C-alpha atoms as a PDB file:
ATOM      1  CA  UNK A   1     135.507-129.268 -83.796  1.00  0.00           C
ATOM      2  CA  UNK A   2     133.861-127.128 -81.076  1.00  0.00           C
ATOM      3  CA  UNK A   3     130.224-127.879 -80.293  1.00  0.00           C
ATOM      4  CA  UNK A   4     127.947-124.946 -81.028  1.00  0.00           C
ATOM      5  CA  UNK A   5     124.467-124.262 -79.648  1.00  0.00           C
ATOM      6  CA  UNK A   6     121.900-121.968 -81.224  1.00  0.00           C
ATOM      7  CA  UNK A   7     121.352-119.596 -78.310  1.00  0.00           C
ATOM      8  CA  UNK A   8     119.377-116.570 -79.486  1.00  0.00           C
ATOM      9  CA  UNK A   9     118.133-114.409 -82.319  1.00  0.00           C
ATOM     10  CA  UNK A  10     118.122-110.610 -82.120  1.00  0.00           C
ATOM     11  CA  UNK A  11     115.537-108.653 -84.107  1.00  0.00           C
ATOM     12  CA  UNK A  12     115.932-104.913 -84.638  1.00  0.00           C
ATOM     13  CA  UNK A  13     112.905-102.829 -83.649  1.00  0.00           C
ATOM     14  CA  UNK A  14     111.908 -99.227 -83.021  1.00  0.00           C
ATOM     15  CA  UNK A  15     110.655 -99.801 -79.474  1.00  0.00           C
ATOM     16  CA  UNK A  16     112.073-102.724 -77.490  1.00  0.00           C
ATOM     17  CA  UNK A  17     109.760-102.413 -74.460  1.00  0.00           C
ATOM     18  CA  UNK A  18     106.612-102.145 -76.602  1.00  0.00           C
ATOM     19  CA  UNK A  19     107.733-105.170 -78.626  1.00  0.00           C
ATOM     20  CA  UNK A  20     108.419-107.269 -75.516  1.00  0.00           C
ATOM     21  CA  UNK A  21     104.988-106.397 -74.119  1.00  0.00           C
ATOM     22  CA  UNK A  22     103.365-107.328 -77.443  1.00  0.00           C
ATOM     23  CA  UNK A  23     105.043-110.766 -77.456  1.00  0.00           C
ATOM     24  CA  UNK A  24     104.044-111.265 -73.838  1.00  0.00           C
ATOM     25  CA  UNK A  25     100.406-110.426 -74.616  1.00  0.00           C
ATOM     26  CA  UNK A  26     100.181-112.082 -78.052  1.00  0.00           C
ATOM     27  CA  UNK A  27     102.024-115.322 -77.317  1.00  0.00           C
ATOM     28  CA  UNK A  28     102.321-115.619 -73.529  1.00  0.00           C
ATOM     29  CA  UNK A  29     106.123-115.387 -73.429  1.00  0.00           C
ATOM     30  CA  UNK A  30     107.657-114.028 -70.239  1.00  0.00           C
ATOM     31  CA  UNK A  31     110.042-111.102 -70.384  1.00  0.00           C
ATOM     32  CA  UNK A  32     113.449-112.418 -69.337  1.00  0.00           C
ATOM     33  CA  UNK A  33     115.176-109.055 -69.081  1.00  0.00           C
ATOM     34  CA  UNK A  34     115.151-105.454 -70.249  1.00  0.00           C
ATOM     35  CA  UNK A  35     118.379-103.462 -70.173  1.00  0.00           C
ATOM     36  CA  UNK A  36     118.116-100.234 -68.153  1.00  0.00           C
ATOM     37  CA  UNK A  37     118.585 -98.270 -71.385  1.00  0.00           C
ATOM     38  CA  UNK A  38     115.471 -99.964 -72.869  1.00  0.00           C
ATOM     39  CA  UNK A  39     117.537-100.564 -76.029  1.00  0.00           C
ATOM     40  CA  UNK A  40     117.788-104.334 -75.526  1.00  0.00           C
ATOM     41  CA  UNK A  41     115.558-107.025 -74.066  1.00  0.00           C
ATOM     42  CA  UNK A  42     114.959-110.757 -74.099  1.00  0.00           C
ATOM     43  CA  UNK A  43     112.024-113.141 -73.930  1.00  0.00           C
ATOM     44  CA  UNK A  44     112.105-116.566 -72.315  1.00  0.00           C
ATOM     45  CA  UNK A  45     110.965-118.770 -75.209  1.00  0.00           C
ATOM     46  CA  UNK A  46     112.227-122.157 -74.066  1.00  0.00           C
ATOM     47  CA  UNK A  47     115.439-123.595 -75.487  1.00  0.00           C
ATOM     48  CA  UNK A  48     116.453-120.379 -77.219  1.00  0.00           C
ATOM     49  CA  UNK A  49     116.029-116.704 -76.474  1.00  0.00           C
ATOM     50  CA  UNK A  50     114.218-114.245 -78.708  1.00  0.00           C
ATOM     51  CA  UNK A  51     115.887-110.862 -78.269  1.00  0.00           C
ATOM     52  CA  UNK A  52     115.176-107.362 -79.506  1.00  0.00           C
ATOM     53  CA  UNK A  53     117.546-104.444 -79.973  1.00  0.00           C
ATOM     54  CA  UNK A  54     116.654-100.898 -80.924  1.00  0.00           C
ATOM     55  CA  UNK A  55     117.528 -99.467 -84.331  1.00  0.00           C
ATOM     56  CA  UNK A  56     119.163 -96.621 -82.413  1.00  0.00           C
ATOM     57  CA  UNK A  57     121.579 -98.908 -80.557  1.00  0.00           C
ATOM     58  CA  UNK A  58     122.477-100.815 -83.731  1.00  0.00           C
ATOM     59  CA  UNK A  59     123.243 -97.542 -85.530  1.00  0.00           C
ATOM     60  CA  UNK A  60     125.464 -96.505 -82.607  1.00  0.00           C
ATOM     61  CA  UNK A  61     127.291 -99.840 -83.023  1.00  0.00           C
ATOM     62  CA  UNK A  62     127.963 -99.101 -86.684  1.00  0.00           C
ATOM     63  CA  UNK A  63     125.269-101.306 -88.203  1.00  0.00           C
ATOM     64  CA  UNK A  64     122.633-100.051 -90.631  1.00  0.00           C
ATOM     65  CA  UNK A  65     119.463-102.048 -89.859  1.00  0.00           C
ATOM     66  CA  UNK A  66     116.367-101.835 -92.024  1.00  0.00           C
ATOM     67  CA  UNK A  67     112.700-102.004 -91.079  1.00  0.00           C
ATOM     68  CA  UNK A  68     110.999-105.381 -91.580  1.00  0.00           C
ATOM     69  CA  UNK A  69     108.613-105.562 -94.511  1.00  0.00           C
ATOM     70  CA  UNK A  70     105.927-108.247 -94.270  1.00  0.00           C
ATOM     71  CA  UNK A  71     105.164-108.076 -97.996  1.00  0.00           C
ATOM     72  CA  UNK A  72     108.770-109.006 -98.837  1.00  0.00           C
ATOM     73  CA  UNK A  73     109.980-110.972 -95.797  1.00  0.00           C
ATOM     74  CA  UNK A  74     113.528-112.272 -95.684  1.00  0.00           C
ATOM     75  CA  UNK A  75     112.767-114.673 -92.805  1.00  0.00           C
ATOM     76  CA  UNK A  76     109.994-115.772 -90.472  1.00  0.00           C
ATOM     77  CA  UNK A  77     109.685-116.614 -86.812  1.00  0.00           C
ATOM     78  CA  UNK A  78     107.969-119.991 -86.312  1.00  0.00           C
ATOM     79  CA  UNK A  79     106.154-120.643 -83.045  1.00  0.00           C
ATOM     80  CA  UNK A  80     104.885-124.173 -82.441  1.00  0.00           C
ATOM     81  CA  UNK A  81     101.638-124.818 -80.584  1.00  0.00           C
ATOM     82  CA  UNK A  82      99.135-127.628 -80.142  1.00  0.00           C
ATOM     83  CA  UNK A  83      96.258-125.169 -80.823  1.00  0.00           C
ATOM     84  CA  UNK A  84      96.970-122.931 -83.817  1.00  0.00           C
ATOM     85  CA  UNK A  85      93.459-121.423 -83.881  1.00  0.00           C
ATOM     86  CA  UNK A  86      93.608-120.394 -80.219  1.00  0.00           C
ATOM     87  CA  UNK A  87      97.143-118.988 -80.621  1.00  0.00           C
ATOM     88  CA  UNK A  88      96.020-117.087 -83.724  1.00  0.00           C
ATOM     89  CA  UNK A  89      93.024-115.575 -81.911  1.00  0.00           C
ATOM     90  CA  UNK A  90      95.247-114.524 -78.990  1.00  0.00           C
ATOM     91  CA  UNK A  91      97.791-112.900 -81.315  1.00  0.00           C
ATOM     92  CA  UNK A  92      95.116-111.020 -83.265  1.00  0.00           C
ATOM     93  CA  UNK A  93      93.531-109.779 -80.041  1.00  0.00           C
ATOM     94  CA  UNK A  94      96.946-108.393 -79.014  1.00  0.00           C
ATOM     95  CA  UNK A  95      97.231-106.429 -82.264  1.00  0.00           C
ATOM     96  CA  UNK A  96      98.877-108.833 -84.707  1.00  0.00           C
ATOM     97  CA  UNK A  97      97.860-108.492 -88.360  1.00  0.00           C
ATOM     98  CA  UNK A  98      96.465-111.549 -90.140  1.00  0.00           C
ATOM     99  CA  UNK A  99      98.429-112.678 -93.198  1.00  0.00           C
ATOM    100  CA  UNK A 100      96.996-116.193 -93.667  1.00  0.00           C
ATOM    101  CA  UNK A 101      94.176-117.967 -91.850  1.00  0.00           C
ATOM    102  CA  UNK A 102      94.779-121.301 -90.172  1.00  0.00           C
ATOM    103  CA  UNK A 103      95.100-124.073 -92.750  1.00  0.00           C
ATOM    104  CA  UNK A 104      95.927-127.777 -92.595  1.00  0.00           C
ATOM    105  CA  UNK A 105      98.760-128.558 -94.968  1.00  0.00           C
ATOM    106  CA  UNK A 106      99.020-131.767 -97.072  1.00  0.00           C
ATOM    107  CA  UNK A 107     101.747-133.089 -94.737  1.00  0.00           C
ATOM    108  CA  UNK A 108      99.373-132.832 -91.737  1.00  0.00           C
ATOM    109  CA  UNK A 109     100.721-129.696 -90.086  1.00  0.00           C
ATOM    110  CA  UNK A 110      98.357-126.786 -89.377  1.00  0.00           C
ATOM    111  CA  UNK A 111      99.786-123.308 -90.020  1.00  0.00           C
ATOM    112  CA  UNK A 112      98.704-119.675 -89.885  1.00  0.00           C
ATOM    113  CA  UNK A 113     100.651-116.468 -90.489  1.00  0.00           C
ATOM    114  CA  UNK A 114     100.507-113.056 -88.859  1.00  0.00           C
ATOM    115  CA  UNK A 115     102.782-110.046 -88.631  1.00  0.00           C
ATOM    116  CA  UNK A 116     103.809-108.527 -85.338  1.00  0.00           C
ATOM    117  CA  UNK A 117     103.723-104.791 -84.616  1.00  0.00           C
ATOM    118  CA  UNK A 118     107.130-104.382 -86.314  1.00  0.00           C
ATOM    119  CA  UNK A 119     106.135-106.128 -89.547  1.00  0.00           C
ATOM    120  CA  UNK A 120     107.963-109.395 -88.796  1.00  0.00           C
ATOM    121  CA  UNK A 121     106.306-112.464 -90.323  1.00  0.00           C
ATOM    122  CA  UNK A 122     105.326-114.997 -87.647  1.00  0.00           C
ATOM    123  CA  UNK A 123     104.214-118.534 -88.439  1.00  0.00           C
ATOM    124  CA  UNK A 124     102.015-120.287 -85.905  1.00  0.00           C
ATOM    125  CA  UNK A 125     102.230-124.026 -86.498  1.00  0.00           C
ATOM    126  CA  UNK A 126     101.270-127.348 -85.018  1.00  0.00           C
ATOM    127  CA  UNK A 127     103.946-129.966 -84.453  1.00  0.00           C
ATOM    128  CA  UNK A 128     104.988-131.848 -87.591  1.00  0.00           C
ATOM    129  CA  UNK A 129     103.210-135.204 -87.820  1.00  0.00           C
ATOM    130  CA  UNK A 130     105.525-138.164 -88.214  1.00  0.00           C
END
């Protein structure tokens, strides 16, 4: 069986450059690359890459993407940090919308939820306690 590695996730957005700048400002990620067309870009997020592609490009490629809806999310992006409150404050300052304040869960993990400027649900969480 071939060994597979989870390499990247691509989210569909209206404005790739604006989204990359938001993630840079809200979470401190560095922009890895932006295609000259501005229809695709990547963030350096560590072991994997978080990528964004424009709705326009996806439609040209024969896909029919839909806008994210934070009130009925079909997935979430989870970002781990050792300081959820500080990460939450930074994200809100950059324009994120608060969904759920920071809260310690019964299993010992602290979590908070926001939406990004595209309506994607983002969980900010502390490492899971063993």
